């Protein structure tokens, strides 16, 4: 199979996305139009300046722009449009199910209330489900550079919307903010019945992955590519089949790997880990889910069997009910 044939084959397959930040789908043009709508002064005044600002040195330089971009999201219609545009991308790329992270504190810290963004998100999700059967779960993420008390307060503020998200997560700057910092709030979320995921082993060391597993009791590790540095951890991940939600283009853009040819996703897959492919923050990192797959096809000695397994893994690692997983796995076969 040629690379082009593999890309065409991939386009036709039903797929799942498990690691995507909805605020990270804010395209530059949409950001600029919202800045104009709300009269927000951005440091970038032209599309060229915005695109130049997207050359990140590390995770923090990206996060600085990410939070600045999110500042243009103000009213319910903004959040509806943000979600709707991404769900249309799901339809275009044959992503039949997605599990999306949203960051309440990014909005509540600047005075935007839960009801504003949740109502916008829910309206778009309901419309996509009605129009073409799009399946979508939400994951409420805590910002790890803020305090655990702030995360606990956020969990309490979310109470009217507990039926609208399936899990809690942990994202933002990893270094200096180990998972155990959030042990209490994750325990509270567990007692409320929420599943748990956490970013670990992107910038942070393998110890952060162990901590996410042992102190936060996560069902999935977001990123996790640095697990390769700890053979005991690799053995545990193979044995437990705890999923890793890997984001290839993100890893290159944020200098986790110097280029895609250095990426270890195939190594992890061939060792027997349950790795999946995801887009993370696609508008900032240069591509949605299919483009992440294309990049792997372009840069690695990947075969159709690898691609099939990666696509299957997305369904297996999802929070979908077992019978729905099995339905989609039969479709793939």
C-alpha atoms as a PDB file:
ATOM      1  CA  UNK A   1       0.000   0.000   0.000  1.00  0.00           C
ATOM      2  CA  UNK A   2       1.400   3.419  -0.919  1.00  0.00           C
ATOM      3  CA  UNK A   3       1.353   6.306   1.540  1.00  0.00           C
ATOM      4  CA  UNK A   4      -1.440   7.947  -0.461  1.00  0.00           C
ATOM      5  CA  UNK A   5      -3.498   4.739  -0.404  1.00  0.00           C
ATOM      6  CA  UNK A   6      -3.026   4.461   3.362  1.00  0.00           C
ATOM      7  CA  UNK A   7      -4.220   8.061   3.787  1.00  0.00           C
ATOM      8  CA  UNK A   8      -7.250   7.380   1.587  1.00  0.00           C
ATOM      9  CA  UNK A   9      -7.994   4.179   3.516  1.00  0.00           C
ATOM     10  CA  UNK A  10      -7.716   6.076   6.796  1.00  0.00           C
ATOM     11  CA  UNK A  11     -10.125   8.799   5.619  1.00  0.00           C
ATOM     12  CA  UNK A  12     -12.843   6.178   5.141  1.00  0.00           C
ATOM     13  CA  UNK A  13     -12.506   4.570   8.574  1.00  0.00           C
ATOM     14  CA  UNK A  14     -14.778   5.526  11.494  1.00  0.00           C
ATOM     15  CA  UNK A  15     -12.545   7.005  14.188  1.00  0.00           C
ATOM     16  CA  UNK A  16     -12.526   8.210  17.779  1.00  0.00           C
ATOM     17  CA  UNK A  17     -10.759  11.233  19.289  1.00  0.00           C
ATOM     18  CA  UNK A  18      -9.942  11.073  23.013  1.00  0.00           C
ATOM     19  CA  UNK A  19      -7.519  13.939  23.652  1.00  0.00           C
ATOM     20  CA  UNK A  20      -8.707  17.272  22.348  1.00  0.00           C
ATOM     21  CA  UNK A  21      -9.086  20.601  24.120  1.00  0.00           C
ATOM     22  CA  UNK A  22     -12.079  22.425  22.691  1.00  0.00           C
ATOM     23  CA  UNK A  23     -10.434  25.791  23.411  1.00  0.00           C
ATOM     24  CA  UNK A  24      -7.512  24.534  21.313  1.00  0.00           C
ATOM     25  CA  UNK A  25      -9.707  24.393  18.201  1.00  0.00           C
ATOM     26  CA  UNK A  26      -9.996  28.201  18.109  1.00  0.00           C
ATOM     27  CA  UNK A  27      -8.821  28.954  14.555  1.00  0.00           C
ATOM     28  CA  UNK A  28      -6.932  32.247  13.988  1.00  0.00           C
ATOM     29  CA  UNK A  29      -9.650  33.719  11.738  1.00  0.00           C
ATOM     30  CA  UNK A  30     -12.358  32.951  14.299  1.00  0.00           C
ATOM     31  CA  UNK A  31     -10.180  34.363  17.096  1.00  0.00           C
ATOM     32  CA  UNK A  32      -9.716  37.624  15.183  1.00  0.00           C
ATOM     33  CA  UNK A  33     -13.444  37.916  14.403  1.00  0.00           C
ATOM     34  CA  UNK A  34     -14.353  37.404  18.080  1.00  0.00           C
ATOM     35  CA  UNK A  35     -11.724  39.935  19.163  1.00  0.00           C
ATOM     36  CA  UNK A  36     -13.383  42.434  16.834  1.00  0.00           C
ATOM     37  CA  UNK A  37     -16.889  41.485  18.039  1.00  0.00           C
ATOM     38  CA  UNK A  38     -15.960  42.014  21.713  1.00  0.00           C
ATOM     39  CA  UNK A  39     -13.408  44.785  21.123  1.00  0.00           C
ATOM     40  CA  UNK A  40     -10.588  42.753  22.678  1.00  0.00           C
ATOM     41  CA  UNK A  41      -7.118  44.125  21.978  1.00  0.00           C
ATOM     42  CA  UNK A  42      -4.853  41.233  20.971  1.00  0.00           C
ATOM     43  CA  UNK A  43      -1.095  41.758  20.578  1.00  0.00           C
ATOM     44  CA  UNK A  44      -1.440  40.239  17.094  1.00  0.00           C
ATOM     45  CA  UNK A  45      -3.373  42.520  14.740  1.00  0.00           C
ATOM     46  CA  UNK A  46      -2.923  40.652  11.432  1.00  0.00           C
ATOM     47  CA  UNK A  47      -3.280  37.017  10.393  1.00  0.00           C
ATOM     48  CA  UNK A  48       0.452  36.960   9.583  1.00  0.00           C
ATOM     49  CA  UNK A  49       1.330  38.066  13.131  1.00  0.00           C
ATOM     50  CA  UNK A  50      -0.980  35.415  14.598  1.00  0.00           C
ATOM     51  CA  UNK A  51       0.636  32.710  12.480  1.00  0.00           C
ATOM     52  CA  UNK A  52       4.114  33.881  13.478  1.00  0.00           C
ATOM     53  CA  UNK A  53       3.072  33.710  17.148  1.00  0.00           C
ATOM     54  CA  UNK A  54       2.294  30.007  16.599  1.00  0.00           C
ATOM     55  CA  UNK A  55       6.021  29.148  16.514  1.00  0.00           C
ATOM     56  CA  UNK A  56       6.337  27.820  20.063  1.00  0.00           C
ATOM     57  CA  UNK A  57       9.561  27.101  21.939  1.00  0.00           C
ATOM     58  CA  UNK A  58       7.962  24.911  24.605  1.00  0.00           C
ATOM     59  CA  UNK A  59       4.716  24.088  26.396  1.00  0.00           C
ATOM     60  CA  UNK A  60       4.653  27.366  28.341  1.00  0.00           C
ATOM     61  CA  UNK A  61       5.081  29.595  25.257  1.00  0.00           C
ATOM     62  CA  UNK A  62       2.118  27.753  23.724  1.00  0.00           C
ATOM     63  CA  UNK A  63       0.003  28.067  26.889  1.00  0.00           C
ATOM     64  CA  UNK A  64       0.607  31.825  27.017  1.00  0.00           C
ATOM     65  CA  UNK A  65      -0.919  32.181  23.540  1.00  0.00           C
ATOM     66  CA  UNK A  66      -3.631  29.602  24.269  1.00  0.00           C
ATOM     67  CA  UNK A  67      -4.962  31.543  27.276  1.00  0.00           C
ATOM     68  CA  UNK A  68      -4.705  34.798  25.376  1.00  0.00           C
ATOM     69  CA  UNK A  69      -6.720  33.296  22.517  1.00  0.00           C
ATOM     70  CA  UNK A  70      -9.380  31.951  24.882  1.00  0.00           C
ATOM     71  CA  UNK A  71      -9.899  35.494  26.244  1.00  0.00           C
ATOM     72  CA  UNK A  72     -11.991  36.347  23.161  1.00  0.00           C
ATOM     73  CA  UNK A  73     -14.615  33.731  24.120  1.00  0.00           C
ATOM     74  CA  UNK A  74     -17.247  35.742  25.983  1.00  0.00           C
ATOM     75  CA  UNK A  75     -20.875  34.795  25.338  1.00  0.00           C
ATOM     76  CA  UNK A  76     -22.925  31.658  24.792  1.00  0.00           C
ATOM     77  CA  UNK A  77     -22.898  32.046  21.006  1.00  0.00           C
ATOM     78  CA  UNK A  78     -19.064  32.118  20.997  1.00  0.00           C
ATOM     79  CA  UNK A  79     -18.920  28.782  22.829  1.00  0.00           C
ATOM     80  CA  UNK A  80     -21.652  27.313  20.628  1.00  0.00           C
ATOM     81  CA  UNK A  81     -19.723  28.331  17.500  1.00  0.00           C
ATOM     82  CA  UNK A  82     -16.444  26.970  18.897  1.00  0.00           C
ATOM     83  CA  UNK A  83     -18.001  23.560  19.574  1.00  0.00           C
ATOM     84  CA  UNK A  84     -20.057  23.507  16.372  1.00  0.00           C
ATOM     85  CA  UNK A  85     -17.022  24.183  14.179  1.00  0.00           C
ATOM     86  CA  UNK A  86     -15.119  21.311  15.765  1.00  0.00           C
ATOM     87  CA  UNK A  87     -18.073  18.903  15.461  1.00  0.00           C
ATOM     88  CA  UNK A  88     -18.354  19.773  11.763  1.00  0.00           C
ATOM     89  CA  UNK A  89     -14.675  18.800  11.506  1.00  0.00           C
ATOM     90  CA  UNK A  90     -15.592  15.456  13.121  1.00  0.00           C
ATOM     91  CA  UNK A  91     -18.204  14.920  10.428  1.00  0.00           C
ATOM     92  CA  UNK A  92     -15.687  15.816   7.711  1.00  0.00           C
ATOM     93  CA  UNK A  93     -12.980  13.489   9.108  1.00  0.00           C
ATOM     94  CA  UNK A  94     -15.289  10.560   9.978  1.00  0.00           C
ATOM     95  CA  UNK A  95     -14.738  10.949  13.743  1.00  0.00           C
ATOM     96  CA  UNK A  96     -17.864   9.165  14.944  1.00  0.00           C
ATOM     97  CA  UNK A  97     -17.169   9.690  18.654  1.00  0.00           C
ATOM     98  CA  UNK A  98     -15.136  12.292  20.538  1.00  0.00           C
ATOM     99  CA  UNK A  99     -14.285  12.883  24.187  1.00  0.00           C
ATOM    100  CA  UNK A 100     -13.436  16.554  24.541  1.00  0.00           C
ATOM    101  CA  UNK A 101     -11.731  18.436  27.337  1.00  0.00           C
ATOM    102  CA  UNK A 102     -12.896  21.874  28.395  1.00  0.00           C
ATOM    103  CA  UNK A 103     -11.186  24.179  30.903  1.00  0.00           C
ATOM    104  CA  UNK A 104     -13.741  25.972  33.117  1.00  0.00           C
ATOM    105  CA  UNK A 105     -11.094  27.957  35.008  1.00  0.00           C
ATOM    106  CA  UNK A 106      -9.846  29.507  31.759  1.00  0.00           C
ATOM    107  CA  UNK A 107     -13.273  31.172  31.613  1.00  0.00           C
ATOM    108  CA  UNK A 108     -14.450  31.505  35.233  1.00  0.00           C
ATOM    109  CA  UNK A 109     -11.164  33.216  36.196  1.00  0.00           C
ATOM    110  CA  UNK A 110     -12.169  36.079  33.879  1.00  0.00           C
ATOM    111  CA  UNK A 111     -15.794  36.242  34.979  1.00  0.00           C
ATOM    112  CA  UNK A 112     -17.498  33.956  32.429  1.00  0.00           C
ATOM    113  CA  UNK A 113     -19.950  31.743  34.291  1.00  0.00           C
ATOM    114  CA  UNK A 114     -20.451  27.991  33.882  1.00  0.00           C
ATOM    115  CA  UNK A 115     -23.931  28.477  32.445  1.00  0.00           C
ATOM    116  CA  UNK A 116     -22.539  30.579  29.583  1.00  0.00           C
ATOM    117  CA  UNK A 117     -20.060  28.074  28.161  1.00  0.00           C
ATOM    118  CA  UNK A 118     -21.949  24.913  29.108  1.00  0.00           C
ATOM    119  CA  UNK A 119     -25.161  26.098  27.446  1.00  0.00           C
ATOM    120  CA  UNK A 120     -23.255  26.942  24.263  1.00  0.00           C
ATOM    121  CA  UNK A 121     -21.428  23.605  24.230  1.00  0.00           C
ATOM    122  CA  UNK A 122     -24.577  21.581  24.923  1.00  0.00           C
ATOM    123  CA  UNK A 123     -26.538  23.325  22.166  1.00  0.00           C
ATOM    124  CA  UNK A 124     -23.918  22.448  19.542  1.00  0.00           C
ATOM    125  CA  UNK A 125     -23.553  18.849  20.783  1.00  0.00           C
ATOM    126  CA  UNK A 126     -27.331  18.306  20.717  1.00  0.00           C
ATOM    127  CA  UNK A 127     -27.585  19.766  17.216  1.00  0.00           C
ATOM    128  CA  UNK A 128     -24.782  17.557  15.842  1.00  0.00           C
ATOM    129  CA  UNK A 129     -26.319  14.477  17.432  1.00  0.00           C
ATOM    130  CA  UNK A 130     -29.689  15.301  15.888  1.00  0.00           C
ATOM    131  CA  UNK A 131     -28.353  16.198  12.439  1.00  0.00           C
ATOM    132  CA  UNK A 132     -25.924  13.311  11.814  1.00  0.00           C
ATOM    133  CA  UNK A 133     -25.745  11.190  14.972  1.00  0.00           C
ATOM    134  CA  UNK A 134     -22.480  12.642  16.286  1.00  0.00           C
ATOM    135  CA  UNK A 135     -21.446  11.086  19.599  1.00  0.00           C
ATOM    136  CA  UNK A 136     -19.659  13.414  22.033  1.00  0.00           C
ATOM    137  CA  UNK A 137     -18.662  13.207  25.715  1.00  0.00           C
ATOM    138  CA  UNK A 138     -17.187  16.071  27.727  1.00  0.00           C
ATOM    139  CA  UNK A 139     -14.257  15.914  30.177  1.00  0.00           C
ATOM    140  CA  UNK A 140     -13.941  18.774  32.663  1.00  0.00           C
ATOM    141  CA  UNK A 141     -10.256  19.578  33.137  1.00  0.00           C
ATOM    142  CA  UNK A 142      -8.543  21.344  36.014  1.00  0.00           C
ATOM    143  CA  UNK A 143      -5.643  23.728  35.347  1.00  0.00           C
ATOM    144  CA  UNK A 144      -2.668  22.330  37.205  1.00  0.00           C
ATOM    145  CA  UNK A 145      -0.798  25.665  37.467  1.00  0.00           C
ATOM    146  CA  UNK A 146      -3.649  26.845  39.734  1.00  0.00           C
ATOM    147  CA  UNK A 147      -4.217  25.575  43.280  1.00  0.00           C
ATOM    148  CA  UNK A 148      -6.056  22.423  44.256  1.00  0.00           C
ATOM    149  CA  UNK A 149      -8.488  24.622  46.216  1.00  0.00           C
ATOM    150  CA  UNK A 150      -9.378  26.343  42.932  1.00  0.00           C
ATOM    151  CA  UNK A 151      -9.971  22.904  41.353  1.00  0.00           C
ATOM    152  CA  UNK A 152     -12.208  21.853  44.272  1.00  0.00           C
ATOM    153  CA  UNK A 153     -14.168  25.094  43.920  1.00  0.00           C
ATOM    154  CA  UNK A 154     -14.543  24.403  40.186  1.00  0.00           C
ATOM    155  CA  UNK A 155     -15.886  20.909  40.876  1.00  0.00           C
ATOM    156  CA  UNK A 156     -18.443  22.441  43.250  1.00  0.00           C
ATOM    157  CA  UNK A 157     -19.426  25.167  40.753  1.00  0.00           C
ATOM    158  CA  UNK A 158     -20.016  22.469  38.122  1.00  0.00           C
ATOM    159  CA  UNK A 159     -22.728  20.770  40.174  1.00  0.00           C
ATOM    160  CA  UNK A 160     -25.700  21.914  38.018  1.00  0.00           C
ATOM    161  CA  UNK A 161     -23.929  20.310  35.018  1.00  0.00           C
ATOM    162  CA  UNK A 162     -22.802  16.993  36.525  1.00  0.00           C
ATOM    163  CA  UNK A 163     -24.963  15.105  34.016  1.00  0.00           C
ATOM    164  CA  UNK A 164     -23.250  16.870  31.113  1.00  0.00           C
ATOM    165  CA  UNK A 165     -19.691  15.564  31.512  1.00  0.00           C
ATOM    166  CA  UNK A 166     -18.387  12.041  32.018  1.00  0.00           C
ATOM    167  CA  UNK A 167     -14.921  12.565  33.485  1.00  0.00           C
ATOM    168  CA  UNK A 168     -12.492  15.034  35.022  1.00  0.00           C
ATOM    169  CA  UNK A 169      -8.997  15.702  33.731  1.00  0.00           C
ATOM    170  CA  UNK A 170      -5.803  17.566  34.533  1.00  0.00           C
ATOM    171  CA  UNK A 171      -3.964  19.771  32.031  1.00  0.00           C
ATOM    172  CA  UNK A 172      -1.838  22.930  31.596  1.00  0.00           C
ATOM    173  CA  UNK A 173       1.823  23.354  32.659  1.00  0.00           C
ATOM    174  CA  UNK A 174       3.137  19.985  33.817  1.00  0.00           C
ATOM    175  CA  UNK A 175       6.562  20.887  35.227  1.00  0.00           C
ATOM    176  CA  UNK A 176       6.438  21.669  38.948  1.00  0.00           C
ATOM    177  CA  UNK A 177       2.774  20.613  39.147  1.00  0.00           C
ATOM    178  CA  UNK A 178       2.829  16.854  39.838  1.00  0.00           C
ATOM    179  CA  UNK A 179      -0.422  14.852  39.799  1.00  0.00           C
ATOM    180  CA  UNK A 180      -0.386  14.285  43.573  1.00  0.00           C
ATOM    181  CA  UNK A 181      -1.039  18.022  44.014  1.00  0.00           C
ATOM    182  CA  UNK A 182      -4.641  17.189  42.976  1.00  0.00           C
ATOM    183  CA  UNK A 183      -5.228  14.001  44.951  1.00  0.00           C
ATOM    184  CA  UNK A 184      -8.136  15.371  47.033  1.00  0.00           C
ATOM    185  CA  UNK A 185     -10.146  16.813  44.150  1.00  0.00           C
ATOM    186  CA  UNK A 186      -9.727  13.631  42.110  1.00  0.00           C
ATOM    187  CA  UNK A 187     -10.895  11.585  45.100  1.00  0.00           C
ATOM    188  CA  UNK A 188     -13.967  13.825  45.375  1.00  0.00           C
ATOM    189  CA  UNK A 189     -14.643  13.397  41.644  1.00  0.00           C
ATOM    190  CA  UNK A 190     -14.301   9.621  42.005  1.00  0.00           C
ATOM    191  CA  UNK A 191     -16.828   9.613  44.860  1.00  0.00           C
ATOM    192  CA  UNK A 192     -19.218  11.568  42.604  1.00  0.00           C
ATOM    193  CA  UNK A 193     -18.895   8.827  39.975  1.00  0.00           C
ATOM    194  CA  UNK A 194     -16.690  10.604  37.426  1.00  0.00           C
ATOM    195  CA  UNK A 195     -14.008   8.815  35.459  1.00  0.00           C
ATOM    196  CA  UNK A 196     -10.517  10.322  35.697  1.00  0.00           C
ATOM    197  CA  UNK A 197      -7.799  11.164  33.170  1.00  0.00           C
ATOM    198  CA  UNK A 198      -4.652  13.274  33.506  1.00  0.00           C
ATOM    199  CA  UNK A 199      -1.869  14.731  31.373  1.00  0.00           C
ATOM    200  CA  UNK A 200       1.412  13.111  32.401  1.00  0.00           C
ATOM    201  CA  UNK A 201       4.722  12.245  30.777  1.00  0.00           C
ATOM    202  CA  UNK A 202       4.626  14.952  28.096  1.00  0.00           C
ATOM    203  CA  UNK A 203       7.142  17.377  29.618  1.00  0.00           C
ATOM    204  CA  UNK A 204       7.084  15.702  33.020  1.00  0.00           C
ATOM    205  CA  UNK A 205       9.076  12.539  33.861  1.00  0.00           C
ATOM    206  CA  UNK A 206       7.793   8.946  34.098  1.00  0.00           C
ATOM    207  CA  UNK A 207       7.310   9.536  37.861  1.00  0.00           C
ATOM    208  CA  UNK A 208       4.402  11.823  36.945  1.00  0.00           C
ATOM    209  CA  UNK A 209       2.777   8.957  35.037  1.00  0.00           C
ATOM    210  CA  UNK A 210       3.163   6.657  38.051  1.00  0.00           C
ATOM    211  CA  UNK A 211       1.681   9.401  40.249  1.00  0.00           C
ATOM    212  CA  UNK A 212      -1.324   9.860  37.936  1.00  0.00           C
ATOM    213  CA  UNK A 213      -1.931   6.104  38.114  1.00  0.00           C
ATOM    214  CA  UNK A 214      -1.360   5.627  41.845  1.00  0.00           C
ATOM    215  CA  UNK A 215      -2.603   8.869  43.416  1.00  0.00           C
ATOM    216  CA  UNK A 216      -5.298   9.964  40.935  1.00  0.00           C
ATOM    217  CA  UNK A 217      -6.460   6.460  39.885  1.00  0.00           C
ATOM    218  CA  UNK A 218      -6.767   7.481  36.228  1.00  0.00           C
ATOM    219  CA  UNK A 219      -8.506   5.409  33.557  1.00  0.00           C
ATOM    220  CA  UNK A 220      -6.275   6.937  30.851  1.00  0.00           C
ATOM    221  CA  UNK A 221      -2.986   8.826  30.699  1.00  0.00           C
ATOM    222  CA  UNK A 222      -2.988  11.805  28.323  1.00  0.00           C
ATOM    223  CA  UNK A 223       0.313  11.879  26.385  1.00  0.00           C
ATOM    224  CA  UNK A 224       2.469   9.420  28.362  1.00  0.00           C
ATOM    225  CA  UNK A 225       5.201   9.221  25.711  1.00  0.00           C
ATOM    226  CA  UNK A 226       7.973   9.486  28.308  1.00  0.00           C
ATOM    227  CA  UNK A 227       6.883   6.131  29.762  1.00  0.00           C
ATOM    228  CA  UNK A 228       9.530   4.661  27.432  1.00  0.00           C
ATOM    229  CA  UNK A 229      12.173   5.839  29.933  1.00  0.00           C
ATOM    230  CA  UNK A 230      10.945   3.455  32.663  1.00  0.00           C
ATOM    231  CA  UNK A 231      10.919  -0.257  31.831  1.00  0.00           C
ATOM    232  CA  UNK A 232       8.805  -1.166  34.900  1.00  0.00           C
ATOM    233  CA  UNK A 233       6.226   1.407  33.821  1.00  0.00           C
ATOM    234  CA  UNK A 234       6.194  -0.020  30.285  1.00  0.00           C
ATOM    235  CA  UNK A 235       5.614  -3.501  31.731  1.00  0.00           C
ATOM    236  CA  UNK A 236       2.747  -2.157  33.843  1.00  0.00           C
ATOM    237  CA  UNK A 237       1.144  -0.367  30.853  1.00  0.00           C
ATOM    238  CA  UNK A 238       1.379  -3.502  28.712  1.00  0.00           C
ATOM    239  CA  UNK A 239      -0.096  -5.687  31.465  1.00  0.00           C
ATOM    240  CA  UNK A 240      -2.872  -3.285  32.516  1.00  0.00           C
ATOM    241  CA  UNK A 241      -3.662  -1.990  28.999  1.00  0.00           C
ATOM    242  CA  UNK A 242      -4.118   1.463  30.544  1.00  0.00           C
ATOM    243  CA  UNK A 243      -4.503   3.692  27.466  1.00  0.00           C
ATOM    244  CA  UNK A 244      -2.166   6.499  26.408  1.00  0.00           C
ATOM    245  CA  UNK A 245      -3.714   9.302  24.341  1.00  0.00           C
ATOM    246  CA  UNK A 246      -0.761  10.342  22.180  1.00  0.00           C
ATOM    247  CA  UNK A 247      -0.762  13.602  20.182  1.00  0.00           C
ATOM    248  CA  UNK A 248       1.960  13.418  17.493  1.00  0.00           C
ATOM    249  CA  UNK A 249       1.802  16.912  15.938  1.00  0.00           C
ATOM    250  CA  UNK A 250       1.569  18.473  19.398  1.00  0.00           C
ATOM    251  CA  UNK A 251       4.683  16.565  20.514  1.00  0.00           C
ATOM    252  CA  UNK A 252       6.690  17.947  17.581  1.00  0.00           C
ATOM    253  CA  UNK A 253       5.375  21.509  17.864  1.00  0.00           C
ATOM    254  CA  UNK A 254       6.174  21.614  21.604  1.00  0.00           C
ATOM    255  CA  UNK A 255       9.627  20.043  21.110  1.00  0.00           C
ATOM    256  CA  UNK A 256       8.892  16.807  23.012  1.00  0.00           C
ATOM    257  CA  UNK A 257      10.555  15.190  19.964  1.00  0.00           C
ATOM    258  CA  UNK A 258      12.781  17.088  17.544  1.00  0.00           C
ATOM    259  CA  UNK A 259      10.941  15.753  14.474  1.00  0.00           C
ATOM    260  CA  UNK A 260       8.290  13.169  13.626  1.00  0.00           C
ATOM    261  CA  UNK A 261      10.868  10.581  12.577  1.00  0.00           C
ATOM    262  CA  UNK A 262      12.010  10.544  16.232  1.00  0.00           C
ATOM    263  CA  UNK A 263       8.493   9.904  17.587  1.00  0.00           C
ATOM    264  CA  UNK A 264       8.123   6.721  19.653  1.00  0.00           C
ATOM    265  CA  UNK A 265       4.448   5.922  19.003  1.00  0.00           C
ATOM    266  CA  UNK A 266       5.221   2.915  16.783  1.00  0.00           C
ATOM    267  CA  UNK A 267       7.737   1.636  19.328  1.00  0.00           C
ATOM    268  CA  UNK A 268       5.055   1.861  22.037  1.00  0.00           C
ATOM    269  CA  UNK A 269       2.457   0.219  19.781  1.00  0.00           C
ATOM    270  CA  UNK A 270       4.760  -2.649  18.822  1.00  0.00           C
ATOM    271  CA  UNK A 271       5.637  -3.239  22.498  1.00  0.00           C
ATOM    272  CA  UNK A 272       1.906  -3.865  23.059  1.00  0.00           C
ATOM    273  CA  UNK A 273       0.818  -0.623  24.761  1.00  0.00           C
ATOM    274  CA  UNK A 274      -2.724   0.652  24.156  1.00  0.00           C
ATOM    275  CA  UNK A 275      -1.741   3.866  22.364  1.00  0.00           C
ATOM    276  CA  UNK A 276      -4.153   6.097  20.460  1.00  0.00           C
ATOM    277  CA  UNK A 277      -3.737   9.043  18.052  1.00  0.00           C
ATOM    278  CA  UNK A 278      -5.274  12.440  18.853  1.00  0.00           C
ATOM    279  CA  UNK A 279      -4.993  16.121  17.882  1.00  0.00           C
ATOM    280  CA  UNK A 280      -4.687  17.903  21.286  1.00  0.00           C
ATOM    281  CA  UNK A 281      -4.974  21.596  20.206  1.00  0.00           C
ATOM    282  CA  UNK A 282      -5.331  21.329  16.420  1.00  0.00           C
ATOM    283  CA  UNK A 283      -5.560  24.992  15.469  1.00  0.00           C
ATOM    284  CA  UNK A 284      -2.280  25.672  17.272  1.00  0.00           C
ATOM    285  CA  UNK A 285      -0.403  22.504  16.267  1.00  0.00           C
ATOM    286  CA  UNK A 286      -1.154  22.339  12.567  1.00  0.00           C
ATOM    287  CA  UNK A 287      -3.745  19.636  12.136  1.00  0.00           C
ATOM    288  CA  UNK A 288      -6.847  17.766  13.250  1.00  0.00           C
ATOM    289  CA  UNK A 289      -7.037  13.996  13.775  1.00  0.00           C
ATOM    290  CA  UNK A 290      -6.541  12.886  10.157  1.00  0.00           C
ATOM    291  CA  UNK A 291      -3.563  15.219   9.749  1.00  0.00           C
ATOM    292  CA  UNK A 292      -1.938  13.609  12.790  1.00  0.00           C
ATOM    293  CA  UNK A 293      -2.311  10.222  11.137  1.00  0.00           C
ATOM    294  CA  UNK A 294      -1.003  11.615   7.821  1.00  0.00           C
ATOM    295  CA  UNK A 295       2.082  12.896   9.585  1.00  0.00           C
ATOM    296  CA  UNK A 296       2.786   9.423  10.994  1.00  0.00           C
ATOM    297  CA  UNK A 297       2.262   7.861   7.549  1.00  0.00           C
ATOM    298  CA  UNK A 298       4.633  10.418   6.026  1.00  0.00           C
ATOM    299  CA  UNK A 299       7.406  10.155   8.598  1.00  0.00           C
ATOM    300  CA  UNK A 300       7.437   6.623  10.059  1.00  0.00           C
ATOM    301  CA  UNK A 301       7.706   3.156   8.556  1.00  0.00           C
ATOM    302  CA  UNK A 302       4.047   2.592   9.353  1.00  0.00           C
ATOM    303  CA  UNK A 303       1.956  -0.187   7.807  1.00  0.00           C
ATOM    304  CA  UNK A 304      -1.777  -0.542   7.354  1.00  0.00           C
ATOM    305  CA  UNK A 305      -1.811  -3.073  10.229  1.00  0.00           C
ATOM    306  CA  UNK A 306      -0.389  -0.364  12.523  1.00  0.00           C
ATOM    307  CA  UNK A 307      -3.010   2.140  11.374  1.00  0.00           C
ATOM    308  CA  UNK A 308      -5.823  -0.364  11.871  1.00  0.00           C
ATOM    309  CA  UNK A 309      -4.615  -1.089  15.403  1.00  0.00           C
ATOM    310  CA  UNK A 310      -4.330   2.614  16.250  1.00  0.00           C
ATOM    311  CA  UNK A 311      -7.877   3.232  15.001  1.00  0.00           C
ATOM    312  CA  UNK A 312      -9.179   0.172  16.914  1.00  0.00           C
ATOM    313  CA  UNK A 313      -7.376   1.345  20.044  1.00  0.00           C
ATOM    314  CA  UNK A 314      -9.325   4.613  19.958  1.00  0.00           C
ATOM    315  CA  UNK A 315     -12.605   2.728  20.349  1.00  0.00           C
ATOM    316  CA  UNK A 316     -11.174   0.317  22.941  1.00  0.00           C
ATOM    317  CA  UNK A 317      -9.776   3.192  25.057  1.00  0.00           C
ATOM    318  CA  UNK A 318     -12.965   5.268  24.884  1.00  0.00           C
ATOM    319  CA  UNK A 319     -15.615   5.607  27.592  1.00  0.00           C
ATOM    320  CA  UNK A 320     -18.301   4.302  25.231  1.00  0.00           C
ATOM    321  CA  UNK A 321     -20.551   1.476  26.497  1.00  0.00           C
ATOM    322  CA  UNK A 322     -19.140  -1.950  25.598  1.00  0.00           C
ATOM    323  CA  UNK A 323     -21.882  -2.795  23.100  1.00  0.00           C
ATOM    324  CA  UNK A 324     -21.243   0.427  21.135  1.00  0.00           C
ATOM    325  CA  UNK A 325     -17.486  -0.228  21.122  1.00  0.00           C
ATOM    326  CA  UNK A 326     -18.151  -3.705  19.753  1.00  0.00           C
ATOM    327  CA  UNK A 327     -20.468  -2.327  17.069  1.00  0.00           C
ATOM    328  CA  UNK A 328     -17.766   0.032  15.765  1.00  0.00           C
ATOM    329  CA  UNK A 329     -15.014  -2.588  16.024  1.00  0.00           C
ATOM    330  CA  UNK A 330     -17.178  -4.866  13.834  1.00  0.00           C
ATOM    331  CA  UNK A 331     -17.545  -2.016  11.332  1.00  0.00           C
ATOM    332  CA  UNK A 332     -13.754  -1.704  11.201  1.00  0.00           C
ATOM    333  CA  UNK A 333     -13.336  -5.442  10.650  1.00  0.00           C
END
